[in-house]
N, C-alpha and C. Protein backbone atom coordinates (compact mmCIF):
# COMPACT_ATOMS: atom_id res chain seq x y z
N UNK A 1 -7.23 -3.80 -16.28
CA UNK A 1 -6.80 -3.40 -14.95
C UNK A 1 -6.23 -1.99 -15.03
N UNK A 2 -6.61 -1.17 -14.07
CA UNK A 2 -6.08 0.19 -14.00
C UNK A 2 -4.96 0.23 -12.99
N UNK A 3 -3.95 1.01 -13.29
CA UNK A 3 -2.86 1.22 -12.34
C UNK A 3 -2.75 2.71 -12.08
N UNK A 4 -2.65 3.05 -10.82
CA UNK A 4 -2.38 4.43 -10.45
C UNK A 4 -1.02 4.43 -9.77
N UNK A 5 -0.17 5.30 -10.21
CA UNK A 5 1.16 5.40 -9.62
C UNK A 5 1.29 6.78 -9.01
N UNK A 6 1.71 6.81 -7.76
CA UNK A 6 1.96 8.08 -7.09
C UNK A 6 2.98 7.85 -6.00
N UNK A 7 3.63 8.92 -5.62
CA UNK A 7 4.58 8.85 -4.52
C UNK A 7 3.82 9.09 -3.24
N UNK A 8 4.15 8.34 -2.21
CA UNK A 8 3.42 8.47 -0.96
C UNK A 8 4.33 8.15 0.22
N UNK A 9 4.00 8.72 1.34
CA UNK A 9 4.63 8.33 2.59
C UNK A 9 3.87 7.09 3.06
N UNK A 10 4.52 5.95 3.00
CA UNK A 10 3.84 4.67 3.24
C UNK A 10 3.18 4.61 4.61
N UNK A 11 3.86 5.05 5.64
CA UNK A 11 3.31 4.99 6.99
C UNK A 11 2.04 5.83 7.08
N UNK A 12 2.07 7.05 6.55
CA UNK A 12 0.89 7.91 6.57
C UNK A 12 -0.24 7.32 5.73
N UNK A 13 0.11 6.76 4.58
CA UNK A 13 -0.90 6.17 3.69
C UNK A 13 -1.60 4.99 4.36
N UNK A 14 -0.83 4.14 5.03
CA UNK A 14 -1.41 2.98 5.72
C UNK A 14 -2.36 3.46 6.81
N UNK A 15 -1.93 4.45 7.57
CA UNK A 15 -2.77 4.97 8.65
C UNK A 15 -4.01 5.67 8.10
N UNK A 16 -3.84 6.55 7.11
CA UNK A 16 -4.97 7.32 6.57
C UNK A 16 -6.01 6.43 5.90
N UNK A 17 -5.56 5.44 5.17
CA UNK A 17 -6.48 4.55 4.45
C UNK A 17 -6.93 3.37 5.31
N UNK A 18 -6.37 3.24 6.50
CA UNK A 18 -6.68 2.13 7.41
C UNK A 18 -6.53 0.79 6.68
N UNK A 19 -5.35 0.63 6.07
CA UNK A 19 -5.10 -0.58 5.28
C UNK A 19 -4.92 -1.80 6.17
N UNK A 20 -5.46 -2.91 5.70
CA UNK A 20 -5.17 -4.21 6.29
C UNK A 20 -3.95 -4.73 5.55
N UNK A 21 -2.85 -4.96 6.27
CA UNK A 21 -1.61 -5.40 5.63
C UNK A 21 -1.74 -6.86 5.22
N UNK A 22 -1.52 -7.13 3.94
CA UNK A 22 -1.61 -8.48 3.41
C UNK A 22 -0.22 -9.12 3.30
N UNK A 23 0.78 -8.30 2.98
CA UNK A 23 2.14 -8.81 2.81
C UNK A 23 3.12 -7.70 3.13
N UNK A 24 4.18 -8.04 3.84
CA UNK A 24 5.21 -7.07 4.19
C UNK A 24 6.55 -7.76 4.00
N UNK A 25 7.22 -7.45 2.88
CA UNK A 25 8.52 -8.06 2.59
C UNK A 25 9.57 -6.97 2.52
N UNK A 26 10.79 -7.37 2.28
CA UNK A 26 11.90 -6.42 2.17
C UNK A 26 11.67 -5.43 1.03
N UNK A 27 11.05 -5.88 -0.05
CA UNK A 27 10.89 -5.04 -1.24
C UNK A 27 9.52 -4.41 -1.42
N UNK A 28 8.46 -4.98 -0.83
CA UNK A 28 7.11 -4.49 -1.06
C UNK A 28 6.24 -4.60 0.20
N UNK A 29 5.25 -3.73 0.27
CA UNK A 29 4.18 -3.84 1.26
C UNK A 29 2.87 -3.84 0.48
N UNK A 30 2.03 -4.81 0.72
CA UNK A 30 0.72 -4.88 0.06
C UNK A 30 -0.36 -4.81 1.12
N UNK A 31 -1.41 -4.08 0.81
CA UNK A 31 -2.52 -3.95 1.75
C UNK A 31 -3.84 -3.83 1.03
N UNK A 32 -4.92 -3.91 1.80
CA UNK A 32 -6.26 -3.81 1.23
C UNK A 32 -7.03 -2.73 1.98
N UNK A 33 -7.70 -1.86 1.21
CA UNK A 33 -8.51 -0.81 1.81
C UNK A 33 -9.84 -1.41 2.26
N UNK A 34 -10.60 -0.62 3.01
CA UNK A 34 -11.91 -1.08 3.48
C UNK A 34 -12.86 -1.36 2.32
N UNK A 35 -12.63 -0.72 1.17
CA UNK A 35 -13.50 -0.94 0.01
C UNK A 35 -13.06 -2.14 -0.82
N UNK A 36 -11.95 -2.79 -0.43
CA UNK A 36 -11.49 -3.99 -1.13
C UNK A 36 -10.42 -3.73 -2.17
N UNK A 37 -9.97 -2.49 -2.32
CA UNK A 37 -8.91 -2.17 -3.27
C UNK A 37 -7.57 -2.63 -2.70
N UNK A 38 -6.83 -3.39 -3.49
CA UNK A 38 -5.51 -3.86 -3.06
C UNK A 38 -4.46 -2.88 -3.58
N UNK A 39 -3.60 -2.43 -2.68
CA UNK A 39 -2.55 -1.47 -3.03
C UNK A 39 -1.21 -2.07 -2.66
N UNK A 40 -0.17 -1.66 -3.42
CA UNK A 40 1.17 -2.17 -3.15
C UNK A 40 2.14 -1.00 -3.18
N UNK A 41 3.02 -1.00 -2.20
CA UNK A 41 4.06 0.03 -2.11
C UNK A 41 5.41 -0.65 -2.31
N UNK A 42 6.29 0.00 -3.07
CA UNK A 42 7.63 -0.52 -3.28
C UNK A 42 8.56 0.18 -2.31
N UNK A 43 9.45 -0.61 -1.69
CA UNK A 43 10.43 -0.06 -0.77
C UNK A 43 11.63 0.40 -1.57
N UNK A 44 11.82 1.71 -1.62
CA UNK A 44 12.93 2.28 -2.41
C UNK A 44 14.12 2.66 -1.54
N UNK A 45 14.17 2.16 -0.34
CA UNK A 45 15.27 2.54 0.57
C UNK A 45 16.50 1.74 0.22
C-alpha cells in the first residue's frame, strides 16, 4: 500500500476532487474520488 501525505485545505480538496464523503467524524474525514481512490483527512483543529 502506498501512502501520500500532504497538507491540504480540506474544504477545497473535497470540492476540487469532487469527493464522495464516506465518513465524517470529529477526528477524520474519509472520502472517495471518482477514480475509486479513498482519501482520509485528519482534523488537527
